[in-house]
Amino acid sequence: MTPRDVACIELVELLTDYLEGALPPADVAAVEAHLAQCPACRRYLDQMRATIATLGTVPVETLSDGAWGVLLDAFTRRTGPR
């Protein structure tokens, strides 16, 4: 069985769950098939892994309102409004 096609925008939406091991096997296969064919998404995945490794886990409750706003604005600019 061939994994379903995943567009780059969908990969971005699935990546957090992929990194956390929270995707069903069919979605893991689809993400990995896309990554095998898409250098841009592989770079994005590498950037996400580097960010996680650099920042570690920061409990949300420890963020000030200002820091929370800056991070949310940066995420929104990167991914677009939902």
N, C-alpha and C. Protein backbone atom coordinates (compact mmCIF):
# COMPACT_ATOMS: atom_id res chain seq x y z
N MET A 1 0.84 -1.18 0.00
CA MET A 1 0.00 0.00 0.00
C MET A 1 0.89 1.25 0.00
N THR A 2 0.58 2.18 -0.87
CA THR A 2 1.33 3.43 -0.97
C THR A 2 0.76 4.45 -0.01
N PRO A 3 1.64 5.18 0.74
CA PRO A 3 1.11 6.22 1.63
C PRO A 3 0.37 7.29 0.83
N ARG A 4 -0.63 7.90 1.45
CA ARG A 4 -1.36 8.98 0.79
C ARG A 4 -0.42 10.16 0.58
N ASP A 5 -0.75 10.99 -0.38
CA ASP A 5 0.05 12.19 -0.64
C ASP A 5 -0.23 13.23 0.43
N VAL A 6 0.83 13.90 0.87
CA VAL A 6 0.72 14.98 1.84
C VAL A 6 1.32 16.22 1.20
N ALA A 7 0.58 17.31 1.18
CA ALA A 7 1.10 18.58 0.68
C ALA A 7 1.96 19.23 1.77
N CYS A 8 2.83 20.14 1.36
CA CYS A 8 3.72 20.81 2.32
C CYS A 8 2.94 21.47 3.45
N ILE A 9 1.86 22.14 3.13
CA ILE A 9 1.07 22.82 4.17
C ILE A 9 0.50 21.83 5.17
N GLU A 10 0.10 20.67 4.71
CA GLU A 10 -0.42 19.65 5.62
C GLU A 10 0.70 19.08 6.48
N LEU A 11 1.89 18.93 5.89
CA LEU A 11 3.02 18.43 6.66
C LEU A 11 3.31 19.35 7.84
N VAL A 12 3.29 20.66 7.59
CA VAL A 12 3.53 21.63 8.66
C VAL A 12 2.54 21.42 9.80
N GLU A 13 1.29 21.14 9.46
CA GLU A 13 0.27 20.93 10.47
C GLU A 13 0.47 19.61 11.23
N LEU A 14 1.06 18.62 10.59
CA LEU A 14 1.24 17.30 11.20
C LEU A 14 2.57 17.17 11.95
N LEU A 15 3.49 18.08 11.72
CA LEU A 15 4.86 17.89 12.18
C LEU A 15 5.01 17.80 13.69
N THR A 16 4.29 18.61 14.44
CA THR A 16 4.41 18.54 15.90
C THR A 16 4.00 17.16 16.40
N ASP A 17 2.87 16.66 15.92
CA ASP A 17 2.44 15.32 16.34
C ASP A 17 3.42 14.27 15.86
N TYR A 18 3.99 14.46 14.68
CA TYR A 18 4.99 13.52 14.16
C TYR A 18 6.20 13.47 15.10
N LEU A 19 6.69 14.64 15.49
CA LEU A 19 7.86 14.69 16.37
C LEU A 19 7.56 14.13 17.76
N GLU A 20 6.33 14.24 18.19
CA GLU A 20 5.94 13.73 19.51
C GLU A 20 5.52 12.26 19.47
N GLY A 21 5.54 11.65 18.28
CA GLY A 21 5.15 10.25 18.16
C GLY A 21 3.67 10.03 18.35
N ALA A 22 2.86 11.05 18.04
CA ALA A 22 1.43 10.98 18.30
C ALA A 22 0.58 10.76 17.05
N LEU A 23 1.22 10.49 15.92
CA LEU A 23 0.45 10.26 14.68
C LEU A 23 0.14 8.78 14.51
N PRO A 24 -1.00 8.49 13.90
CA PRO A 24 -1.29 7.09 13.56
C PRO A 24 -0.30 6.61 12.49
N PRO A 25 -0.05 5.32 12.43
CA PRO A 25 0.94 4.78 11.49
C PRO A 25 0.75 5.22 10.04
N ALA A 26 -0.48 5.32 9.58
CA ALA A 26 -0.72 5.73 8.19
C ALA A 26 -0.23 7.16 7.95
N ASP A 27 -0.43 8.04 8.93
CA ASP A 27 0.03 9.42 8.79
C ASP A 27 1.55 9.50 8.90
N VAL A 28 2.15 8.69 9.76
CA VAL A 28 3.62 8.63 9.84
C VAL A 28 4.19 8.25 8.48
N ALA A 29 3.62 7.24 7.86
CA ALA A 29 4.09 6.80 6.54
C ALA A 29 3.94 7.90 5.51
N ALA A 30 2.82 8.63 5.56
CA ALA A 30 2.59 9.72 4.61
C ALA A 30 3.59 10.86 4.82
N VAL A 31 3.85 11.22 6.08
CA VAL A 31 4.81 12.28 6.38
C VAL A 31 6.20 11.85 5.91
N GLU A 32 6.60 10.64 6.22
CA GLU A 32 7.93 10.17 5.85
C GLU A 32 8.09 10.06 4.33
N ALA A 33 7.03 9.68 3.63
CA ALA A 33 7.09 9.63 2.16
C ALA A 33 7.26 11.04 1.60
N HIS A 34 6.55 12.00 2.18
CA HIS A 34 6.70 13.39 1.73
C HIS A 34 8.10 13.90 2.00
N LEU A 35 8.60 13.66 3.21
CA LEU A 35 9.94 14.12 3.57
C LEU A 35 11.01 13.54 2.65
N ALA A 36 10.82 12.31 2.22
CA ALA A 36 11.78 11.67 1.33
C ALA A 36 11.87 12.38 -0.02
N GLN A 37 10.81 13.08 -0.39
CA GLN A 37 10.74 13.73 -1.70
C GLN A 37 10.86 15.25 -1.66
N CYS A 38 10.86 15.86 -0.48
CA CYS A 38 10.77 17.33 -0.38
C CYS A 38 11.91 17.91 0.46
N PRO A 39 12.94 18.43 -0.20
CA PRO A 39 14.06 19.02 0.55
C PRO A 39 13.65 20.20 1.44
N ALA A 40 12.69 21.00 1.01
CA ALA A 40 12.26 22.15 1.81
C ALA A 40 11.64 21.69 3.13
N CYS A 41 10.82 20.67 3.08
CA CYS A 41 10.19 20.16 4.31
C CYS A 41 11.21 19.45 5.20
N ARG A 42 12.21 18.81 4.59
CA ARG A 42 13.27 18.22 5.41
C ARG A 42 14.03 19.31 6.16
N ARG A 43 14.29 20.45 5.49
CA ARG A 43 14.95 21.57 6.16
C ARG A 43 14.08 22.09 7.30
N TYR A 44 12.78 22.20 7.04
CA TYR A 44 11.85 22.66 8.08
C TYR A 44 11.88 21.71 9.28
N LEU A 45 11.86 20.42 9.02
CA LEU A 45 11.94 19.42 10.09
C LEU A 45 13.26 19.57 10.85
N ASP A 46 14.36 19.76 10.14
CA ASP A 46 15.65 19.96 10.80
C ASP A 46 15.64 21.21 11.67
N GLN A 47 15.00 22.29 11.18
CA GLN A 47 14.89 23.52 11.97
C GLN A 47 14.06 23.29 13.23
N MET A 48 12.98 22.55 13.10
CA MET A 48 12.15 22.24 14.26
C MET A 48 12.93 21.44 15.29
N ARG A 49 13.65 20.44 14.82
CA ARG A 49 14.45 19.61 15.74
C ARG A 49 15.53 20.45 16.42
N ALA A 50 16.17 21.35 15.67
CA ALA A 50 17.20 22.21 16.25
C ALA A 50 16.60 23.15 17.29
N THR A 51 15.43 23.69 17.00
CA THR A 51 14.75 24.58 17.96
C THR A 51 14.42 23.83 19.24
N ILE A 52 13.88 22.63 19.09
CA ILE A 52 13.53 21.82 20.26
C ILE A 52 14.79 21.49 21.07
N ALA A 53 15.86 21.13 20.39
CA ALA A 53 17.11 20.79 21.08
C ALA A 53 17.70 22.00 21.80
N THR A 54 17.56 23.17 21.18
CA THR A 54 18.13 24.39 21.76
C THR A 54 17.30 24.88 22.94
N LEU A 55 15.99 24.88 22.78
CA LEU A 55 15.12 25.44 23.82
C LEU A 55 14.73 24.44 24.89
N GLY A 56 14.76 23.17 24.54
CA GLY A 56 14.29 22.18 25.48
C GLY A 56 12.80 22.36 25.69
N THR A 57 12.34 21.96 26.82
CA THR A 57 10.92 22.09 27.13
C THR A 57 10.73 23.27 28.06
N VAL A 58 9.97 24.23 27.60
CA VAL A 58 9.66 25.40 28.42
C VAL A 58 8.20 25.31 28.82
N PRO A 59 7.93 25.12 30.11
CA PRO A 59 6.53 25.05 30.54
C PRO A 59 5.79 26.35 30.21
N VAL A 60 4.64 26.23 29.61
CA VAL A 60 3.86 27.38 29.18
C VAL A 60 3.59 28.33 30.34
N GLU A 61 3.33 27.77 31.50
CA GLU A 61 3.00 28.61 32.65
C GLU A 61 4.16 29.49 33.11
N THR A 62 5.37 29.22 32.64
CA THR A 62 6.51 30.05 33.03
C THR A 62 6.72 31.23 32.10
N LEU A 63 5.99 31.29 30.99
CA LEU A 63 6.14 32.39 30.04
C LEU A 63 5.38 33.63 30.51
N SER A 64 6.03 34.78 30.41
CA SER A 64 5.32 36.03 30.71
C SER A 64 4.32 36.30 29.59
N ASP A 65 3.38 37.19 29.86
CA ASP A 65 2.40 37.55 28.83
C ASP A 65 3.10 38.12 27.61
N GLY A 66 4.14 38.92 27.82
CA GLY A 66 4.90 39.50 26.71
C GLY A 66 5.58 38.44 25.86
N ALA A 67 6.22 37.48 26.51
CA ALA A 67 6.90 36.40 25.78
C ALA A 67 5.89 35.55 25.03
N TRP A 68 4.76 35.27 25.67
CA TRP A 68 3.71 34.48 25.03
C TRP A 68 3.23 35.18 23.75
N GLY A 69 3.01 36.49 23.85
CA GLY A 69 2.54 37.26 22.70
C GLY A 69 3.55 37.28 21.57
N VAL A 70 4.82 37.45 21.90
CA VAL A 70 5.88 37.45 20.88
C VAL A 70 5.93 36.10 20.17
N LEU A 71 5.89 35.01 20.93
CA LEU A 71 5.94 33.68 20.32
C LEU A 71 4.71 33.41 19.46
N LEU A 72 3.54 33.79 19.94
CA LEU A 72 2.31 33.59 19.18
C LEU A 72 2.32 34.39 17.88
N ASP A 73 2.79 35.64 17.95
CA ASP A 73 2.90 36.47 16.74
C ASP A 73 3.87 35.85 15.74
N ALA A 74 5.01 35.36 16.23
CA ALA A 74 6.01 34.76 15.33
C ALA A 74 5.43 33.50 14.69
N PHE A 75 4.74 32.69 15.46
CA PHE A 75 4.15 31.47 14.92
C PHE A 75 3.09 31.81 13.87
N THR A 76 2.25 32.80 14.17
CA THR A 76 1.20 33.20 13.24
C THR A 76 1.79 33.71 11.93
N ARG A 77 2.85 34.51 12.02
CA ARG A 77 3.51 35.00 10.80
C ARG A 77 4.09 33.85 9.99
N ARG A 78 4.61 32.85 10.67
CA ARG A 78 5.26 31.72 9.99
C ARG A 78 4.24 30.80 9.34
N THR A 79 3.13 30.54 10.02
CA THR A 79 2.17 29.56 9.54
C THR A 79 0.93 30.18 8.91
N GLY A 80 0.71 31.46 9.13
CA GLY A 80 -0.49 32.12 8.63
C GLY A 80 -1.62 31.99 9.63
N PRO A 81 -2.61 32.84 9.49
CA PRO A 81 -3.75 32.80 10.44
C PRO A 81 -4.54 31.53 10.27
N ARG A 82 -5.16 31.10 11.35
CA ARG A 82 -5.96 29.86 11.32
C ARG A 82 -7.41 30.15 11.24
